[in-house]
Amino acid sequence: MATKCPNCGFEAPEGAAECPKCQIIFGKWIEREERMAAPAMEGGMEAAPAPASSLPWVIGAALIAGAAGWYFLKPDPGLPVQAPEAQTEESSPGGTQEAGEAAGEEAGTSGDEASAPVIENPWKFEGAVKDVVRGTPVQGARLVFSSPREKDTFTAETDFSGRYSLDLKPLEKGGYEVSITHPDYGGQWYDARILERPKRDRYRLSEQVQFRSAYEWSRHVGRENGVSAYDFAIYPNNLSEDERREQFDAISGGPARD
């Protein structure tokens, strides 16, 4: 029985230690997933609420404990009782809130939420992500544009029409790298112009591992006072049975089914 790769969906031979397509090692993948799941298991169980039948006993015990505490901790009649301090503007709830708001304005925040940083003369990127086999828009694809030189990262997610839009910090030199992830697609991306090629050629992409140059990785450059369009295509790992037969024919050179 074949082993389905959890990263790209390729069906590796039975007993394979790594995926022949994307080269991930299955054992390390499983180990990483277990480490990520461990904190959730360490949270423990919440205490169960007391049953309704025991509530009168709990309330009675609380009243007795409160009375005992008042008796043993009440002030000595021979000692003067100190009056509570007058509530100042700083200690009042209103004063605290106003002081918090003032501090928030000083720190560039509004209330409890920090305001988003303002980018001067941003590079505006927009485009679409499509399925490289079907040519359909991909909703929920997450794009991460990053600059290793500047250590900046910007993310966007495609909408129902497969489109995205975001503002990036302009760079003095070079451009941004991009990575695209989606649960139903592999990690490799292609320029959307590849959709102009025959479908059989696009099926063969499942057997190819990309090796991009430094220029190809960081070629996404913006322009001042304008919009830069970058469209992408990604390969699905949720092919139907008919699509898998078409994929097999395209790779093996069998009969065309287009």
Protein backbone atom coordinates (compact mmCIF):
# COMPACT_ATOMS: atom_id res chain seq x y z
CA MET A 1 0.00 0.00 0.00
CA ALA A 2 1.40 3.41 -1.00
CA THR A 3 2.30 6.06 1.60
CA LYS A 4 0.70 9.49 1.00
CA CYS A 5 3.11 12.38 1.66
CA PRO A 6 1.59 14.74 4.31
CA ASN A 7 3.36 17.73 2.70
CA CYS A 8 2.69 17.48 -1.06
CA GLY A 9 0.21 14.60 -1.28
CA PHE A 10 2.40 12.44 -3.54
CA GLU A 11 1.90 8.69 -3.07
CA ALA A 12 5.31 7.25 -2.18
CA PRO A 13 6.12 3.50 -2.41
CA GLU A 14 5.23 1.39 0.62
CA GLY A 15 7.90 1.54 3.33
CA ALA A 16 9.57 4.67 1.87
CA ALA A 17 11.40 6.75 4.48
CA GLU A 18 11.09 9.99 2.53
CA CYS A 19 8.95 11.50 -0.23
CA PRO A 20 10.57 11.07 -3.67
CA LYS A 21 8.86 14.27 -4.80
CA CYS A 22 9.49 16.91 -2.11
CA GLN A 23 12.19 14.96 -0.15
CA ILE A 24 10.66 15.40 3.31
CA ILE A 25 11.54 12.64 5.80
CA PHE A 26 8.35 11.05 7.12
CA GLY A 27 9.78 10.27 10.56
CA LYS A 28 10.86 13.88 11.16
CA TRP A 29 7.48 15.16 9.95
CA ILE A 30 5.64 12.93 12.45
CA GLU A 31 8.05 13.93 15.25
CA ARG A 32 7.43 17.63 14.54
CA GLU A 33 3.63 17.15 14.57
CA GLU A 34 3.84 15.37 17.92
CA ARG A 35 5.93 18.20 19.41
CA MET A 36 3.41 20.76 18.22
CA ALA A 37 0.53 18.78 19.75
CA ALA A 38 2.32 18.28 23.11
CA PRO A 39 1.52 21.73 24.68
CA ALA A 40 -2.19 21.16 24.10
CA MET A 41 -2.00 17.86 26.01
CA GLU A 42 -0.14 19.47 28.94
CA GLY A 43 -2.91 21.96 29.67
CA GLY A 44 -4.61 19.52 32.05
CA MET A 45 -8.32 19.24 32.78
CA GLU A 46 -10.49 21.98 34.19
CA ALA A 47 -12.03 21.41 37.59
CA ALA A 48 -15.58 20.11 37.35
CA PRO A 49 -18.27 22.38 38.89
CA ALA A 50 -19.75 21.35 42.22
CA PRO A 51 -23.08 19.50 41.87
CA ALA A 52 -26.22 21.50 42.66
CA SER A 53 -27.05 19.28 45.66
CA SER A 54 -23.85 20.33 47.47
CA LEU A 55 -24.30 24.09 47.00
CA PRO A 56 -26.14 24.71 50.37
CA TRP A 57 -23.28 23.04 52.27
CA VAL A 58 -20.71 25.10 50.36
CA ILE A 59 -22.56 28.37 51.07
CA GLY A 60 -22.96 27.47 54.76
CA ALA A 61 -19.26 26.69 55.11
CA ALA A 62 -18.36 30.00 53.47
CA LEU A 63 -20.59 31.96 55.91
CA ILE A 64 -19.09 30.21 58.94
CA ALA A 65 -15.56 30.85 57.69
CA GLY A 66 -16.37 34.52 57.07
CA ALA A 67 -17.81 34.97 60.57
CA ALA A 68 -14.80 33.32 62.18
CA GLY A 69 -12.47 35.51 60.17
CA TRP A 70 -14.31 38.67 61.25
CA TYR A 71 -14.20 37.59 64.94
CA PHE A 72 -10.48 36.82 65.01
CA LEU A 73 -9.38 39.64 62.70
CA LYS A 74 -11.69 42.46 63.92
CA PRO A 75 -9.80 45.53 65.25
CA ASP A 76 -9.13 45.91 68.95
CA PRO A 77 -11.71 48.32 70.48
CA GLY A 78 -8.89 50.08 72.31
CA LEU A 79 -7.06 51.00 69.11
CA PRO A 80 -8.10 53.85 66.79
CA VAL A 81 -9.58 52.69 63.54
CA GLN A 82 -7.84 54.23 60.53
CA ALA A 83 -10.23 55.77 58.03
CA PRO A 84 -9.88 54.58 54.44
CA GLU A 85 -7.74 56.78 52.25
CA ALA A 86 -9.58 59.22 50.06
CA GLN A 87 -9.86 57.98 46.51
CA THR A 88 -7.59 60.03 44.33
CA GLU A 89 -7.98 60.70 40.64
CA GLU A 90 -5.09 58.35 39.91
CA SER A 91 -6.58 55.51 41.98
CA SER A 92 -10.17 55.93 40.78
CA PRO A 93 -11.43 53.70 37.98
CA GLY A 94 -12.00 56.74 35.79
CA GLY A 95 -8.53 58.09 36.44
CA THR A 96 -6.95 54.72 35.73
CA GLN A 97 -8.78 54.43 32.44
CA GLU A 98 -7.84 57.97 31.42
CA ALA A 99 -4.23 57.37 32.40
CA GLY A 100 -4.26 54.09 30.44
CA GLU A 101 -5.66 55.82 27.38
CA ALA A 102 -3.05 58.56 27.65
CA ALA A 103 -0.29 55.97 27.97
CA GLY A 104 -1.76 54.13 25.00
CA GLU A 105 -1.70 57.31 22.90
CA GLU A 106 1.90 57.96 23.95
CA ALA A 107 2.91 54.42 22.95
CA GLY A 108 0.99 54.59 19.66
CA THR A 109 -1.90 52.40 20.80
CA SER A 110 -5.65 52.96 21.07
CA GLY A 111 -7.30 51.18 24.03
CA ASP A 112 -6.10 47.56 24.31
CA GLU A 113 -5.18 47.15 20.64
CA ALA A 114 -1.96 48.39 19.12
CA SER A 115 -2.37 50.54 16.02
CA ALA A 116 -0.97 49.15 12.77
CA PRO A 117 2.35 50.68 11.71
CA VAL A 118 2.10 53.30 8.98
CA ILE A 119 4.20 52.58 5.88
CA GLU A 120 5.33 55.65 3.96
CA ASN A 121 5.13 55.36 0.16
CA PRO A 122 4.39 51.61 0.29
CA TRP A 123 4.84 49.13 -2.51
CA LYS A 124 1.33 47.97 -3.42
CA PHE A 125 1.12 44.33 -4.51
CA GLU A 126 -1.98 42.61 -5.81
CA GLY A 127 -2.81 39.57 -7.89
CA ALA A 128 -4.41 36.14 -7.88
CA VAL A 129 -3.57 32.54 -6.98
CA LYS A 130 -4.97 29.77 -9.23
CA ASP A 131 -5.01 25.99 -9.40
CA VAL A 132 -2.30 25.01 -11.89
CA VAL A 133 -4.23 21.92 -13.09
CA ARG A 134 -7.83 23.19 -13.14
CA GLY A 135 -7.18 26.89 -13.71
CA THR A 136 -9.68 27.81 -10.99
CA PRO A 137 -9.13 30.49 -8.28
CA VAL A 138 -7.79 29.28 -4.92
CA GLN A 139 -9.49 30.72 -1.85
CA GLY A 140 -7.66 30.80 1.50
CA ALA A 141 -4.11 30.62 0.12
CA ARG A 142 -1.65 32.35 2.49
CA LEU A 143 1.09 34.42 0.86
CA VAL A 144 4.14 35.51 2.84
CA PHE A 145 6.40 38.16 1.30
CA SER A 146 9.71 38.44 3.14
CA SER A 147 12.98 40.35 2.79
CA PRO A 148 16.01 38.51 4.24
CA ARG A 149 18.05 41.70 3.91
CA GLU A 150 15.62 43.92 5.85
CA LYS A 151 14.12 41.17 8.07
CA ASP A 152 10.61 42.34 7.15
CA THR A 153 7.62 40.03 6.57
CA PHE A 154 4.16 40.80 5.18
CA THR A 155 1.26 38.36 4.79
CA ALA A 156 -1.98 38.24 2.83
CA GLU A 157 -4.74 35.68 2.20
CA THR A 158 -6.73 35.19 -0.99
CA ASP A 159 -10.47 35.84 -0.99
CA PHE A 160 -13.27 33.80 -2.61
CA SER A 161 -12.11 34.95 -6.06
CA GLY A 162 -8.51 33.90 -5.37
CA ARG A 163 -7.28 37.50 -5.18
CA TYR A 164 -5.01 39.21 -2.64
CA SER A 165 -3.79 42.76 -1.99
CA LEU A 166 -1.29 44.22 0.49
CA ASP A 167 1.12 47.06 1.16
CA LEU A 168 4.82 46.36 1.70
CA LYS A 169 7.70 48.45 2.96
CA PRO A 170 9.72 49.74 -0.01
CA LEU A 171 13.26 48.36 -0.30
CA GLU A 172 16.30 50.32 -1.39
CA LYS A 173 17.77 47.27 -3.10
CA GLY A 174 16.31 44.00 -4.39
CA GLY A 175 12.80 42.66 -3.88
CA TYR A 176 10.73 40.28 -1.78
CA GLU A 177 10.66 36.49 -1.69
CA VAL A 178 7.24 34.83 -1.58
CA SER A 179 5.97 31.53 -0.18
CA ILE A 180 2.42 30.24 -0.67
CA THR A 181 0.72 27.64 1.53
CA HIS A 182 -2.70 25.96 1.49
CA PRO A 183 -3.87 22.67 3.05
CA ASP A 184 -4.95 21.27 -0.35
CA TYR A 185 -1.86 22.31 -2.32
CA GLY A 186 1.87 21.66 -2.42
CA GLY A 187 4.49 24.19 -1.38
CA GLN A 188 5.80 24.99 -4.88
CA TRP A 189 4.46 27.95 -6.82
CA TYR A 190 4.59 28.94 -10.48
CA ASP A 191 4.06 32.11 -12.46
CA ALA A 192 0.39 32.09 -13.50
CA ARG A 193 1.43 32.34 -17.17
CA ILE A 194 2.13 28.62 -16.96
CA LEU A 195 -1.65 28.14 -17.34
CA GLU A 196 -1.17 28.98 -21.03
CA ARG A 197 0.66 25.67 -21.50
CA PRO A 198 -1.22 22.42 -22.38
CA LYS A 199 -2.84 20.61 -19.47
CA ARG A 200 -0.64 17.52 -19.99
CA ASP A 201 2.45 19.69 -19.47
CA ARG A 202 0.97 21.10 -16.28
CA TYR A 203 0.27 17.58 -14.97
CA ARG A 204 3.96 16.77 -15.41
CA LEU A 205 4.86 19.50 -12.91
CA SER A 206 3.96 17.06 -10.13
CA GLU A 207 7.15 15.13 -10.94
CA GLN A 208 9.44 18.17 -10.94
CA VAL A 209 11.19 19.72 -7.96
CA GLN A 210 11.92 23.43 -8.35
CA PHE A 211 15.37 24.91 -7.90
CA ARG A 212 15.05 28.67 -8.06
CA SER A 213 17.90 31.13 -8.44
CA ALA A 214 18.42 33.97 -5.95
CA TYR A 215 16.92 36.35 -8.51
CA GLU A 216 13.79 34.23 -8.97
CA TRP A 217 13.27 34.06 -5.20
CA SER A 218 13.57 37.81 -4.60
CA ARG A 219 12.37 39.29 -7.89
CA HIS A 220 9.10 40.76 -6.54
CA VAL A 221 9.82 44.48 -6.70
CA GLY A 222 7.31 47.30 -6.30
CA ARG A 223 7.15 50.81 -7.64
CA GLU A 224 6.34 54.18 -6.15
CA ASN A 225 2.82 55.53 -6.73
CA GLY A 226 1.74 52.41 -8.58
CA VAL A 227 0.51 48.83 -8.23
CA SER A 228 2.61 45.76 -9.05
CA ALA A 229 0.66 42.68 -10.15
CA TYR A 230 1.96 39.19 -9.35
CA ASP A 231 -0.20 36.18 -10.23
CA PHE A 232 0.68 32.66 -9.10
CA ALA A 233 -0.39 29.05 -9.68
CA ILE A 234 -0.02 26.13 -7.23
CA TYR A 235 -0.34 22.38 -7.70
CA PRO A 236 -3.25 20.54 -5.99
CA ASN A 237 -2.76 17.46 -3.82
CA ASN A 238 -6.48 16.61 -3.75
CA LEU A 239 -6.87 15.24 -7.29
CA SER A 240 -9.95 13.18 -8.11
CA GLU A 241 -9.66 9.63 -9.50
CA ASP A 242 -10.20 10.87 -13.06
CA GLU A 243 -7.57 13.57 -12.58
CA ARG A 244 -5.11 11.02 -11.21
CA ARG A 245 -5.60 8.89 -14.34
CA GLU A 246 -4.98 11.94 -16.49
CA GLN A 247 -1.89 12.73 -14.44
CA PHE A 248 -0.60 9.18 -14.88
CA ASP A 249 -1.17 9.30 -18.65
CA ALA A 250 0.58 12.65 -18.91
CA ILE A 251 3.63 11.43 -16.96
CA SER A 252 3.85 8.01 -18.61
CA GLY A 253 3.09 9.25 -22.11
CA GLY A 254 -0.23 7.39 -22.32
CA PRO A 255 -3.32 8.43 -24.31
CA ALA A 256 -4.42 12.05 -24.04
CA ARG A 257 -7.74 12.60 -22.29
CA ASP A 258 -8.08 16.38 -22.81
